[in-house]
Amino acid sequence: MEENIELLKEENMNGSSVTVADEQKVSNGYAASERYFENVACPYYPCHKRDEAAQGKEVHLNCLFCYCPMYHLEGCPGNPQFKEKNGRRVKVCTNCTFPHEKDNYDIIMKKIRGEL
C-alpha cells in the first residue's frame, strides 16, 4: 500500500487526476463522508508531523479543512501560537491539528457559524 500511495503522490505532482481507491480510504472506521476524507495521494500528506507517526502508529488526518476556516479567528478552539513579525501579530498554526481530527467537524461548523 505504501508504494501505491507514493505513486499516487508522484502522479498528483505531475497534474494527474488520480484518486485513491475506496479500500485505501477506509481504515479503522475512517470512512470518507461529507464530514471526513483523507487525501493520502496529496504530495503534502501528512501536512502535520504527528507523534503517532514517529511511534510507528497509523496516522489519520481529515483533509476536509485543508486550510483552516478558523485561521482568521482570534479565539479558535485549536492550539495556535502567535508571533510578532514586522510589527504585526501573526497566527502560527503549524503544530495545530484541531481541524484535521475527525471528531471536530461539529465544533468547527458551530464556531464558523458564530454559535460558539
N, C-alpha and C. Protein backbone atom coordinates (compact mmCIF):
# COMPACT_ATOMS: atom_id res chain seq x y z
N MET A 1 0.82 -1.19 0.00
CA MET A 1 0.00 0.00 0.00
C MET A 1 0.87 1.26 0.00
N GLU A 2 1.96 1.25 0.76
CA GLU A 2 2.86 2.40 0.83
C GLU A 2 3.38 2.77 -0.56
N GLU A 3 3.71 1.77 -1.37
CA GLU A 3 4.19 2.03 -2.74
C GLU A 3 3.10 2.69 -3.57
N ASN A 4 1.84 2.23 -3.41
CA ASN A 4 0.72 2.81 -4.15
C ASN A 4 0.53 4.28 -3.78
N ILE A 5 0.64 4.59 -2.51
CA ILE A 5 0.46 5.97 -2.06
C ILE A 5 1.56 6.85 -2.64
N GLU A 6 2.79 6.38 -2.62
CA GLU A 6 3.89 7.16 -3.18
C GLU A 6 3.69 7.38 -4.68
N LEU A 7 3.21 6.37 -5.39
CA LEU A 7 2.92 6.50 -6.83
C LEU A 7 1.83 7.54 -7.06
N LEU A 8 0.78 7.52 -6.23
CA LEU A 8 -0.30 8.49 -6.36
C LEU A 8 0.19 9.90 -6.09
N LYS A 9 1.05 10.06 -5.09
CA LYS A 9 1.61 11.37 -4.80
C LYS A 9 2.41 11.89 -5.99
N GLU A 10 3.22 11.01 -6.58
CA GLU A 10 4.03 11.41 -7.73
C GLU A 10 3.14 11.79 -8.91
N GLU A 11 2.08 11.02 -9.14
CA GLU A 11 1.17 11.34 -10.25
C GLU A 11 0.44 12.65 -9.99
N ASN A 12 0.06 12.92 -8.74
CA ASN A 12 -0.60 14.18 -8.41
C ASN A 12 0.33 15.36 -8.64
N MET A 13 1.60 15.21 -8.34
CA MET A 13 2.57 16.29 -8.55
C MET A 13 2.70 16.60 -10.05
N ASN A 14 2.45 15.60 -10.86
CA ASN A 14 2.57 15.78 -12.32
C ASN A 14 1.24 16.18 -12.96
N GLY A 15 0.24 16.53 -12.15
CA GLY A 15 -1.02 17.02 -12.68
C GLY A 15 -2.05 15.96 -12.99
N SER A 16 -1.85 14.74 -12.54
CA SER A 16 -2.81 13.67 -12.78
C SER A 16 -4.04 13.86 -11.90
N SER A 17 -5.16 13.34 -12.33
CA SER A 17 -6.38 13.41 -11.52
C SER A 17 -6.67 12.06 -10.88
N VAL A 18 -5.64 11.33 -10.52
CA VAL A 18 -5.77 10.02 -9.91
C VAL A 18 -6.45 10.15 -8.55
N THR A 19 -7.34 9.23 -8.24
CA THR A 19 -7.97 9.21 -6.92
C THR A 19 -7.58 7.94 -6.20
N VAL A 20 -7.65 7.97 -4.89
CA VAL A 20 -7.30 6.81 -4.08
C VAL A 20 -8.47 5.84 -4.07
N ALA A 21 -8.18 4.57 -4.21
CA ALA A 21 -9.22 3.54 -4.22
C ALA A 21 -9.98 3.54 -2.90
N ASP A 22 -11.28 3.20 -2.95
CA ASP A 22 -12.12 3.21 -1.76
C ASP A 22 -11.55 2.36 -0.64
N GLU A 23 -10.97 1.20 -0.98
CA GLU A 23 -10.44 0.34 0.08
C GLU A 23 -9.26 0.98 0.79
N GLN A 24 -8.58 1.92 0.15
CA GLN A 24 -7.50 2.63 0.81
C GLN A 24 -8.02 3.77 1.66
N LYS A 25 -9.21 4.28 1.37
CA LYS A 25 -9.78 5.38 2.13
C LYS A 25 -10.37 4.91 3.46
N VAL A 26 -10.81 3.65 3.54
CA VAL A 26 -11.48 3.15 4.73
C VAL A 26 -10.50 2.32 5.54
N SER A 27 -10.20 2.78 6.74
CA SER A 27 -9.28 2.07 7.61
C SER A 27 -9.63 2.41 9.05
N ASN A 28 -9.92 1.40 9.82
CA ASN A 28 -10.24 1.60 11.24
C ASN A 28 -11.36 2.61 11.47
N GLY A 29 -12.40 2.58 10.66
CA GLY A 29 -13.55 3.45 10.86
C GLY A 29 -13.40 4.85 10.28
N TYR A 30 -12.39 5.10 9.52
CA TYR A 30 -12.18 6.40 8.91
C TYR A 30 -12.73 6.40 7.49
N ALA A 31 -14.04 6.30 7.35
CA ALA A 31 -14.67 6.24 6.04
C ALA A 31 -14.91 7.65 5.50
N ALA A 32 -14.72 7.81 4.21
CA ALA A 32 -14.95 9.09 3.57
C ALA A 32 -16.43 9.46 3.66
N SER A 33 -16.72 10.73 3.96
CA SER A 33 -18.09 11.20 4.06
C SER A 33 -18.10 12.71 3.85
N GLU A 34 -19.27 13.33 4.05
CA GLU A 34 -19.32 14.79 3.92
C GLU A 34 -18.63 15.48 5.10
N ARG A 35 -18.24 14.71 6.12
CA ARG A 35 -17.59 15.25 7.30
C ARG A 35 -16.11 14.90 7.39
N TYR A 36 -15.68 13.96 6.56
CA TYR A 36 -14.31 13.46 6.69
C TYR A 36 -13.82 12.85 5.38
N PHE A 37 -12.62 13.18 5.00
CA PHE A 37 -11.93 12.42 3.96
C PHE A 37 -10.44 12.63 4.11
N GLU A 38 -9.71 11.64 3.66
CA GLU A 38 -8.26 11.68 3.71
C GLU A 38 -7.72 11.64 2.29
N ASN A 39 -6.89 12.58 1.96
CA ASN A 39 -6.29 12.58 0.63
C ASN A 39 -4.83 12.14 0.76
N VAL A 40 -4.64 10.84 0.91
CA VAL A 40 -3.28 10.32 1.09
C VAL A 40 -2.44 10.46 -0.17
N ALA A 41 -3.07 10.77 -1.29
CA ALA A 41 -2.34 10.96 -2.54
C ALA A 41 -1.79 12.39 -2.66
N CYS A 42 -2.17 13.25 -1.76
CA CYS A 42 -1.68 14.64 -1.79
C CYS A 42 -0.17 14.64 -1.56
N PRO A 43 0.56 15.40 -2.34
CA PRO A 43 2.01 15.43 -2.14
C PRO A 43 2.43 16.03 -0.80
N TYR A 44 1.51 16.70 -0.10
CA TYR A 44 1.82 17.31 1.18
C TYR A 44 1.34 16.47 2.37
N TYR A 45 0.69 15.35 2.08
CA TYR A 45 0.16 14.49 3.15
C TYR A 45 1.29 13.66 3.76
N PRO A 46 1.41 13.56 5.05
CA PRO A 46 0.68 14.31 6.07
C PRO A 46 1.25 15.71 6.21
N CYS A 47 0.38 16.68 6.33
CA CYS A 47 0.79 18.09 6.38
C CYS A 47 1.32 18.48 7.75
N HIS A 48 0.99 17.72 8.77
CA HIS A 48 1.46 17.99 10.12
C HIS A 48 2.24 16.78 10.61
N LYS A 49 3.33 17.01 11.27
CA LYS A 49 4.10 15.92 11.88
C LYS A 49 3.34 15.47 13.11
N ARG A 50 3.19 14.18 13.26
CA ARG A 50 2.42 13.64 14.37
C ARG A 50 3.26 12.71 15.21
N ASP A 51 3.05 12.74 16.53
CA ASP A 51 3.76 11.83 17.43
C ASP A 51 3.45 10.38 17.09
N GLU A 52 2.20 10.12 16.66
CA GLU A 52 1.80 8.75 16.34
C GLU A 52 2.66 8.19 15.21
N ALA A 53 2.95 9.01 14.22
CA ALA A 53 3.77 8.57 13.09
C ALA A 53 5.18 8.24 13.55
N ALA A 54 5.71 9.05 14.44
CA ALA A 54 7.06 8.82 14.96
C ALA A 54 7.13 7.53 15.75
N GLN A 55 5.99 7.12 16.32
CA GLN A 55 5.93 5.88 17.09
C GLN A 55 5.55 4.68 16.23
N GLY A 56 5.43 4.90 14.92
CA GLY A 56 5.10 3.81 14.01
C GLY A 56 3.61 3.46 13.97
N LYS A 57 2.77 4.30 14.54
CA LYS A 57 1.33 4.06 14.55
C LYS A 57 0.69 4.68 13.32
N GLU A 58 -0.51 4.19 12.99
CA GLU A 58 -1.26 4.74 11.86
C GLU A 58 -1.69 6.17 12.17
N VAL A 59 -1.59 7.04 11.18
CA VAL A 59 -1.99 8.43 11.34
C VAL A 59 -3.13 8.72 10.37
N HIS A 60 -4.16 9.38 10.86
CA HIS A 60 -5.28 9.79 10.02
C HIS A 60 -5.49 11.28 10.19
N LEU A 61 -5.56 12.00 9.10
CA LEU A 61 -5.82 13.44 9.13
C LEU A 61 -7.01 13.73 8.23
N ASN A 62 -7.95 14.50 8.75
CA ASN A 62 -9.10 14.91 7.96
C ASN A 62 -8.66 16.05 7.04
N CYS A 63 -8.74 15.82 5.75
CA CYS A 63 -8.31 16.81 4.76
C CYS A 63 -9.45 17.75 4.35
N LEU A 64 -10.63 17.57 4.92
CA LEU A 64 -11.78 18.40 4.58
C LEU A 64 -11.44 19.88 4.79
N PHE A 65 -10.80 20.17 5.90
CA PHE A 65 -10.40 21.55 6.19
C PHE A 65 -8.89 21.66 5.97
N CYS A 66 -8.47 21.47 4.75
CA CYS A 66 -7.05 21.54 4.41
C CYS A 66 -6.49 22.88 4.87
N TYR A 67 -7.19 23.94 4.55
CA TYR A 67 -6.86 25.26 5.08
C TYR A 67 -7.90 25.57 6.14
N CYS A 68 -7.45 25.85 7.32
CA CYS A 68 -8.35 26.01 8.45
C CYS A 68 -9.31 27.18 8.26
N PRO A 69 -10.62 26.93 8.37
CA PRO A 69 -11.60 28.01 8.23
C PRO A 69 -11.63 28.93 9.46
N MET A 70 -10.88 28.57 10.50
CA MET A 70 -10.87 29.38 11.71
C MET A 70 -9.59 30.20 11.85
N TYR A 71 -8.77 30.20 10.80
CA TYR A 71 -7.50 30.92 10.87
C TYR A 71 -7.69 32.40 11.25
N HIS A 72 -8.73 33.00 10.71
CA HIS A 72 -8.98 34.42 10.96
C HIS A 72 -9.52 34.71 12.35
N LEU A 73 -9.90 33.69 13.10
CA LEU A 73 -10.48 33.88 14.43
C LEU A 73 -9.40 33.95 15.50
N GLU A 74 -9.49 34.94 16.34
CA GLU A 74 -8.54 35.09 17.45
C GLU A 74 -8.72 33.95 18.45
N GLY A 75 -9.97 33.63 18.76
CA GLY A 75 -10.27 32.62 19.78
C GLY A 75 -10.72 31.30 19.19
N CYS A 76 -9.89 30.67 18.40
CA CYS A 76 -10.28 29.38 17.84
C CYS A 76 -10.04 28.28 18.87
N PRO A 77 -10.69 27.13 18.74
CA PRO A 77 -10.55 26.06 19.73
C PRO A 77 -9.27 25.24 19.58
N GLY A 78 -8.47 25.52 18.58
CA GLY A 78 -7.21 24.80 18.38
C GLY A 78 -6.14 25.31 19.33
N ASN A 79 -4.89 25.02 19.01
CA ASN A 79 -3.79 25.46 19.87
C ASN A 79 -2.76 26.26 19.07
N PRO A 80 -3.20 27.39 18.48
CA PRO A 80 -2.25 28.18 17.71
C PRO A 80 -1.27 28.91 18.62
N GLN A 81 -0.20 29.33 18.00
CA GLN A 81 0.76 30.19 18.68
C GLN A 81 0.75 31.51 17.94
N PHE A 82 1.26 32.54 18.56
CA PHE A 82 1.31 33.85 17.92
C PHE A 82 2.74 34.36 17.99
N LYS A 83 3.15 35.05 16.93
CA LYS A 83 4.47 35.66 16.95
C LYS A 83 4.39 37.04 16.32
N GLU A 84 5.35 37.85 16.64
CA GLU A 84 5.43 39.20 16.08
C GLU A 84 6.28 39.15 14.82
N LYS A 85 5.77 39.77 13.77
CA LYS A 85 6.53 39.85 12.53
C LYS A 85 6.24 41.20 11.89
N ASN A 86 7.28 41.98 11.67
CA ASN A 86 7.15 43.30 11.07
C ASN A 86 6.14 44.17 11.82
N GLY A 87 6.14 44.06 13.14
CA GLY A 87 5.25 44.87 13.95
C GLY A 87 3.81 44.38 14.00
N ARG A 88 3.55 43.21 13.44
CA ARG A 88 2.19 42.64 13.43
C ARG A 88 2.17 41.33 14.20
N ARG A 89 1.04 41.02 14.78
CA ARG A 89 0.85 39.74 15.46
C ARG A 89 0.34 38.73 14.44
N VAL A 90 1.07 37.63 14.27
CA VAL A 90 0.74 36.63 13.25
C VAL A 90 0.39 35.31 13.92
N LYS A 91 -0.69 34.71 13.48
CA LYS A 91 -1.13 33.42 14.00
C LYS A 91 -0.33 32.31 13.31
N VAL A 92 0.23 31.41 14.11
CA VAL A 92 1.02 30.30 13.59
C VAL A 92 0.35 29.00 14.00
N CYS A 93 -0.14 28.25 13.02
CA CYS A 93 -0.91 27.03 13.30
C CYS A 93 -0.15 25.75 12.94
N THR A 94 1.14 25.85 12.78
CA THR A 94 1.95 24.73 12.34
C THR A 94 1.75 23.48 13.19
N ASN A 95 1.64 23.64 14.49
CA ASN A 95 1.52 22.48 15.37
C ASN A 95 0.08 22.17 15.77
N CYS A 96 -0.87 22.82 15.14
CA CYS A 96 -2.28 22.60 15.47
C CYS A 96 -2.91 21.60 14.50
N THR A 97 -3.51 20.57 15.03
CA THR A 97 -4.19 19.57 14.19
C THR A 97 -5.70 19.55 14.45
N PHE A 98 -6.19 20.52 15.19
CA PHE A 98 -7.62 20.55 15.54
C PHE A 98 -8.54 20.36 14.33
N PRO A 99 -8.38 21.09 13.22
CA PRO A 99 -9.30 20.91 12.10
C PRO A 99 -9.11 19.57 11.36
N HIS A 100 -8.06 18.86 11.67
CA HIS A 100 -7.78 17.59 11.00
C HIS A 100 -8.22 16.38 11.80
N GLU A 101 -8.75 16.60 13.00
CA GLU A 101 -9.26 15.49 13.82
C GLU A 101 -10.69 15.19 13.40
N LYS A 102 -10.99 13.92 13.16
CA LYS A 102 -12.30 13.56 12.60
C LYS A 102 -13.49 13.93 13.48
N ASP A 103 -13.31 13.98 14.78
CA ASP A 103 -14.44 14.26 15.68
C ASP A 103 -14.69 15.76 15.90
N ASN A 104 -13.94 16.63 15.25
CA ASN A 104 -14.08 18.07 15.49
C ASN A 104 -14.95 18.79 14.45
N TYR A 105 -15.55 18.08 13.52
CA TYR A 105 -16.35 18.71 12.47
C TYR A 105 -17.46 19.59 13.04
N ASP A 106 -18.25 19.05 13.97
CA ASP A 106 -19.37 19.82 14.52
C ASP A 106 -18.91 21.08 15.25
N ILE A 107 -17.83 20.97 16.00
CA ILE A 107 -17.29 22.14 16.72
C ILE A 107 -16.87 23.22 15.72
N ILE A 108 -16.18 22.81 14.67
CA ILE A 108 -15.72 23.77 13.66
C ILE A 108 -16.90 24.46 12.98
N MET A 109 -17.91 23.69 12.61
CA MET A 109 -19.07 24.27 11.93
C MET A 109 -19.79 25.25 12.85
N LYS A 110 -19.96 24.93 14.12
CA LYS A 110 -20.61 25.84 15.07
C LYS A 110 -19.78 27.10 15.25
N LYS A 111 -18.47 26.94 15.30
CA LYS A 111 -17.59 28.09 15.51
C LYS A 111 -17.65 29.05 14.32
N ILE A 112 -17.62 28.53 13.09
CA ILE A 112 -17.63 29.44 11.95
C ILE A 112 -19.03 30.03 11.68
N ARG A 113 -20.07 29.38 12.23
CA ARG A 113 -21.43 29.96 12.16
C ARG A 113 -21.66 30.98 13.26
N GLY A 114 -20.72 31.08 14.19
CA GLY A 114 -20.87 32.02 15.30
C GLY A 114 -21.70 31.48 16.43
N GLU A 115 -21.92 30.18 16.47
CA GLU A 115 -22.74 29.57 17.52
C GLU A 115 -21.95 29.25 18.77
N LEU A 116 -20.65 29.35 18.71
CA LEU A 116 -19.80 29.09 19.89
C LEU A 116 -19.05 30.35 20.27
